[in-house]
Amino acid sequence: GWPASASALANTLLSQGCSGAFQHAAREQSAASIRSTVLASAAQCYAIEGSYPASISHLEDVYGLAINRNDYTVNYEWFADNVPPTVTVVAR
């Protein structure tokens, strides 16, 4: 069999790899959740004001949307008052 130190090293590397994969999946899930929240806030604005907001700052200022910009980059693309925005969220 393997010497104990080699086995311990293999277990450590395996657990770190799994931990990294889990963290990546969790960050991707959080990014998807942020995107859904931004789109829901935009839909709420449309229902109340009759148009989609031209900028994400309107959602932050008027609807209380809060985004963790230290960990995520949010791209909000507005096209027209009656067309839902395109929103992409990427973990940094």
N, C-alpha and C. Protein backbone atom coordinates (compact mmCIF):
# COMPACT_ATOMS: atom_id res chain seq x y z
N GLY A 1 0.81 -1.19 0.00
CA GLY A 1 0.00 0.00 0.00
C GLY A 1 0.86 1.26 0.00
N TRP A 2 0.20 2.36 -0.04
CA TRP A 2 0.88 3.64 -0.03
C TRP A 2 1.39 3.95 1.36
N PRO A 3 2.49 4.67 1.44
CA PRO A 3 2.92 5.15 2.75
C PRO A 3 1.86 6.11 3.30
N ALA A 4 1.77 6.20 4.59
CA ALA A 4 0.74 7.02 5.23
C ALA A 4 0.80 8.47 4.77
N SER A 5 1.99 9.03 4.58
CA SER A 5 2.10 10.44 4.18
C SER A 5 1.56 10.65 2.77
N ALA A 6 1.80 9.70 1.87
CA ALA A 6 1.29 9.82 0.50
C ALA A 6 -0.23 9.71 0.50
N SER A 7 -0.76 8.83 1.31
CA SER A 7 -2.21 8.68 1.41
C SER A 7 -2.85 9.94 1.98
N ALA A 8 -2.23 10.51 3.01
CA ALA A 8 -2.75 11.75 3.61
C ALA A 8 -2.72 12.89 2.60
N LEU A 9 -1.64 12.97 1.82
CA LEU A 9 -1.52 14.02 0.81
C LEU A 9 -2.61 13.85 -0.25
N ALA A 10 -2.84 12.63 -0.69
CA ALA A 10 -3.87 12.37 -1.70
C ALA A 10 -5.25 12.76 -1.16
N ASN A 11 -5.53 12.41 0.10
CA ASN A 11 -6.82 12.77 0.69
C ASN A 11 -6.98 14.29 0.80
N THR A 12 -5.91 14.99 1.17
CA THR A 12 -5.96 16.44 1.30
C THR A 12 -6.23 17.08 -0.06
N LEU A 13 -5.52 16.65 -1.08
CA LEU A 13 -5.71 17.20 -2.43
C LEU A 13 -7.12 16.92 -2.93
N LEU A 14 -7.63 15.73 -2.67
CA LEU A 14 -8.97 15.37 -3.11
C LEU A 14 -10.01 16.23 -2.40
N SER A 15 -9.87 16.42 -1.10
CA SER A 15 -10.86 17.22 -0.37
C SER A 15 -10.79 18.68 -0.78
N GLN A 16 -9.60 19.21 -1.05
CA GLN A 16 -9.49 20.60 -1.50
C GLN A 16 -10.12 20.76 -2.88
N GLY A 17 -9.95 19.79 -3.74
CA GLY A 17 -10.56 19.84 -5.06
C GLY A 17 -12.07 19.82 -4.98
N CYS A 18 -12.60 18.98 -4.11
CA CYS A 18 -14.06 18.91 -3.92
C CYS A 18 -14.58 20.20 -3.31
N SER A 19 -13.83 20.74 -2.36
CA SER A 19 -14.22 21.99 -1.72
C SER A 19 -14.25 23.12 -2.74
N GLY A 20 -13.25 23.19 -3.59
CA GLY A 20 -13.20 24.22 -4.63
C GLY A 20 -14.35 24.09 -5.61
N ALA A 21 -14.68 22.86 -5.98
CA ALA A 21 -15.79 22.62 -6.89
C ALA A 21 -17.11 23.03 -6.24
N PHE A 22 -17.25 22.71 -4.95
CA PHE A 22 -18.47 23.08 -4.23
C PHE A 22 -18.59 24.60 -4.15
N GLN A 23 -17.49 25.28 -3.83
CA GLN A 23 -17.52 26.74 -3.72
C GLN A 23 -17.87 27.37 -5.07
N HIS A 24 -17.33 26.83 -6.14
CA HIS A 24 -17.64 27.34 -7.48
C HIS A 24 -19.12 27.17 -7.79
N ALA A 25 -19.66 26.00 -7.47
CA ALA A 25 -21.08 25.74 -7.73
C ALA A 25 -21.96 26.66 -6.89
N ALA A 26 -21.56 26.90 -5.64
CA ALA A 26 -22.34 27.79 -4.78
C ALA A 26 -22.32 29.21 -5.30
N ARG A 27 -21.17 29.67 -5.80
CA ARG A 27 -21.07 31.03 -6.35
C ARG A 27 -21.90 31.14 -7.63
N GLU A 28 -21.91 30.11 -8.44
CA GLU A 28 -22.72 30.12 -9.66
C GLU A 28 -24.21 30.16 -9.31
N GLN A 29 -24.60 29.41 -8.29
CA GLN A 29 -26.00 29.42 -7.85
C GLN A 29 -26.38 30.79 -7.32
N SER A 30 -25.47 31.42 -6.57
CA SER A 30 -25.74 32.77 -6.06
C SER A 30 -25.87 33.77 -7.19
N ALA A 31 -25.04 33.63 -8.22
CA ALA A 31 -25.13 34.52 -9.37
C ALA A 31 -26.49 34.38 -10.06
N ALA A 32 -26.96 33.14 -10.19
CA ALA A 32 -28.27 32.91 -10.81
C ALA A 32 -29.38 33.51 -9.95
N SER A 33 -29.23 33.42 -8.64
CA SER A 33 -30.22 33.98 -7.73
C SER A 33 -30.25 35.51 -7.82
N ILE A 34 -29.08 36.12 -7.92
CA ILE A 34 -29.00 37.57 -8.08
C ILE A 34 -29.67 38.00 -9.38
N ARG A 35 -29.40 37.27 -10.46
CA ARG A 35 -30.01 37.58 -11.75
C ARG A 35 -31.53 37.52 -11.65
N SER A 36 -32.05 36.47 -11.02
CA SER A 36 -33.50 36.33 -10.85
C SER A 36 -34.08 37.49 -10.03
N THR A 37 -33.36 37.91 -9.01
CA THR A 37 -33.82 39.01 -8.16
C THR A 37 -33.85 40.32 -8.93
N VAL A 38 -32.82 40.56 -9.74
CA VAL A 38 -32.78 41.78 -10.55
C VAL A 38 -33.95 41.79 -11.54
N LEU A 39 -34.19 40.66 -12.20
CA LEU A 39 -35.28 40.58 -13.16
C LEU A 39 -36.64 40.73 -12.48
N ALA A 40 -36.79 40.17 -11.28
CA ALA A 40 -38.05 40.32 -10.54
C ALA A 40 -38.27 41.77 -10.13
N SER A 41 -37.19 42.45 -9.74
CA SER A 41 -37.30 43.87 -9.38
C SER A 41 -37.68 44.70 -10.60
N ALA A 42 -37.09 44.36 -11.76
CA ALA A 42 -37.43 45.08 -12.99
C ALA A 42 -38.89 44.85 -13.36
N ALA A 43 -39.38 43.62 -13.18
CA ALA A 43 -40.79 43.31 -13.48
C ALA A 43 -41.71 44.05 -12.52
N GLN A 44 -41.31 44.16 -11.26
CA GLN A 44 -42.11 44.91 -10.28
C GLN A 44 -42.18 46.38 -10.69
N CYS A 45 -41.06 46.94 -11.11
CA CYS A 45 -41.02 48.32 -11.59
C CYS A 45 -41.95 48.49 -12.79
N TYR A 46 -41.91 47.54 -13.71
CA TYR A 46 -42.78 47.60 -14.90
C TYR A 46 -44.25 47.58 -14.50
N ALA A 47 -44.58 46.74 -13.53
CA ALA A 47 -45.97 46.63 -13.07
C ALA A 47 -46.45 47.92 -12.40
N ILE A 48 -45.56 48.55 -11.65
CA ILE A 48 -45.93 49.75 -10.90
C ILE A 48 -45.84 51.02 -11.75
N GLU A 49 -44.75 51.14 -12.51
CA GLU A 49 -44.49 52.39 -13.25
C GLU A 49 -44.88 52.33 -14.72
N GLY A 50 -45.11 51.13 -15.25
CA GLY A 50 -45.50 51.00 -16.65
C GLY A 50 -44.34 50.93 -17.62
N SER A 51 -43.11 50.85 -17.09
CA SER A 51 -41.95 50.70 -17.96
C SER A 51 -40.81 50.03 -17.19
N TYR A 52 -39.96 49.37 -17.94
CA TYR A 52 -38.79 48.77 -17.32
C TYR A 52 -37.78 49.89 -17.05
N PRO A 53 -37.05 49.80 -15.95
CA PRO A 53 -36.09 50.86 -15.64
C PRO A 53 -34.91 50.86 -16.62
N ALA A 54 -34.47 52.04 -16.96
CA ALA A 54 -33.37 52.19 -17.91
C ALA A 54 -32.02 51.84 -17.28
N SER A 55 -31.97 51.82 -15.95
CA SER A 55 -30.71 51.48 -15.29
C SER A 55 -30.97 50.70 -14.01
N ILE A 56 -29.99 49.95 -13.61
CA ILE A 56 -30.10 49.17 -12.38
C ILE A 56 -30.09 50.09 -11.17
N SER A 57 -29.52 51.27 -11.30
CA SER A 57 -29.48 52.20 -10.16
C SER A 57 -30.89 52.62 -9.75
N HIS A 58 -31.83 52.67 -10.69
CA HIS A 58 -33.22 52.99 -10.35
C HIS A 58 -33.80 51.92 -9.43
N LEU A 59 -33.47 50.66 -9.71
CA LEU A 59 -33.94 49.57 -8.87
C LEU A 59 -33.31 49.64 -7.48
N GLU A 60 -32.06 50.04 -7.43
CA GLU A 60 -31.37 50.17 -6.15
C GLU A 60 -31.94 51.34 -5.35
N ASP A 61 -32.16 52.46 -6.01
CA ASP A 61 -32.61 53.67 -5.33
C ASP A 61 -34.08 53.61 -4.91
N VAL A 62 -34.94 53.11 -5.78
CA VAL A 62 -36.38 53.17 -5.55
C VAL A 62 -36.93 51.88 -4.94
N TYR A 63 -36.39 50.73 -5.35
CA TYR A 63 -36.95 49.45 -4.93
C TYR A 63 -36.09 48.72 -3.90
N GLY A 64 -35.00 49.32 -3.48
CA GLY A 64 -34.17 48.74 -2.43
C GLY A 64 -33.33 47.55 -2.84
N LEU A 65 -33.11 47.39 -4.14
CA LEU A 65 -32.26 46.29 -4.60
C LEU A 65 -30.85 46.50 -4.07
N ALA A 66 -30.26 45.45 -3.51
CA ALA A 66 -28.89 45.51 -3.00
C ALA A 66 -28.09 44.38 -3.63
N ILE A 67 -26.95 44.73 -4.21
CA ILE A 67 -26.11 43.76 -4.89
C ILE A 67 -24.72 43.79 -4.29
N ASN A 68 -24.16 42.62 -4.03
CA ASN A 68 -22.79 42.51 -3.53
C ASN A 68 -21.83 42.67 -4.71
N ARG A 69 -21.44 43.89 -4.96
CA ARG A 69 -20.57 44.17 -6.11
C ARG A 69 -19.11 43.80 -5.85
N ASN A 70 -18.78 43.48 -4.62
CA ASN A 70 -17.42 43.00 -4.33
C ASN A 70 -17.21 41.59 -4.86
N ASP A 71 -18.28 40.79 -4.86
CA ASP A 71 -18.17 39.39 -5.27
C ASP A 71 -18.79 39.08 -6.63
N TYR A 72 -19.62 40.01 -7.14
CA TYR A 72 -20.32 39.76 -8.40
C TYR A 72 -20.30 40.98 -9.31
N THR A 73 -20.20 40.73 -10.59
CA THR A 73 -20.31 41.77 -11.61
C THR A 73 -21.68 41.60 -12.26
N VAL A 74 -22.45 42.68 -12.31
CA VAL A 74 -23.79 42.63 -12.89
C VAL A 74 -23.82 43.53 -14.12
N ASN A 75 -24.23 42.96 -15.24
CA ASN A 75 -24.39 43.72 -16.47
C ASN A 75 -25.89 43.83 -16.76
N TYR A 76 -26.39 45.07 -16.77
CA TYR A 76 -27.82 45.35 -16.97
C TYR A 76 -27.95 46.09 -18.29
N GLU A 77 -28.59 45.45 -19.27
CA GLU A 77 -28.75 46.06 -20.60
C GLU A 77 -30.22 46.36 -20.84
N TRP A 78 -30.53 47.65 -20.94
CA TRP A 78 -31.88 48.11 -21.19
C TRP A 78 -32.03 48.40 -22.68
N PHE A 79 -33.16 47.99 -23.25
CA PHE A 79 -33.40 48.22 -24.67
C PHE A 79 -34.53 49.20 -24.88
N ALA A 80 -35.66 48.98 -24.22
CA ALA A 80 -36.84 49.84 -24.38
C ALA A 80 -37.73 49.72 -23.15
N ASP A 81 -38.62 50.69 -23.00
CA ASP A 81 -39.51 50.71 -21.84
C ASP A 81 -40.36 49.45 -21.69
N ASN A 82 -40.72 48.84 -22.82
CA ASN A 82 -41.63 47.70 -22.79
C ASN A 82 -40.95 46.36 -23.04
N VAL A 83 -39.62 46.34 -22.99
CA VAL A 83 -38.86 45.10 -23.22
C VAL A 83 -38.04 44.81 -21.96
N PRO A 84 -38.17 43.58 -21.41
CA PRO A 84 -37.39 43.26 -20.21
C PRO A 84 -35.89 43.41 -20.48
N PRO A 85 -35.15 43.86 -19.48
CA PRO A 85 -33.70 44.04 -19.66
C PRO A 85 -33.00 42.69 -19.78
N THR A 86 -31.83 42.72 -20.35
CA THR A 86 -30.97 41.55 -20.36
C THR A 86 -30.02 41.71 -19.17
N VAL A 87 -29.96 40.69 -18.33
CA VAL A 87 -29.15 40.76 -17.12
C VAL A 87 -28.21 39.56 -17.08
N THR A 88 -26.93 39.84 -16.91
CA THR A 88 -25.96 38.78 -16.69
C THR A 88 -25.23 39.07 -15.39
N VAL A 89 -24.96 38.02 -14.63
CA VAL A 89 -24.25 38.14 -13.35
C VAL A 89 -23.11 37.14 -13.37
N VAL A 90 -21.92 37.63 -13.04
CA VAL A 90 -20.74 36.77 -13.04
C VAL A 90 -20.05 36.91 -11.70
N ALA A 91 -19.70 35.76 -11.11
CA ALA A 91 -18.92 35.80 -9.88
C ALA A 91 -17.51 36.25 -10.20
N ARG A 92 -16.96 37.10 -9.34
CA ARG A 92 -15.60 37.60 -9.55
C ARG A 92 -14.58 36.58 -9.09
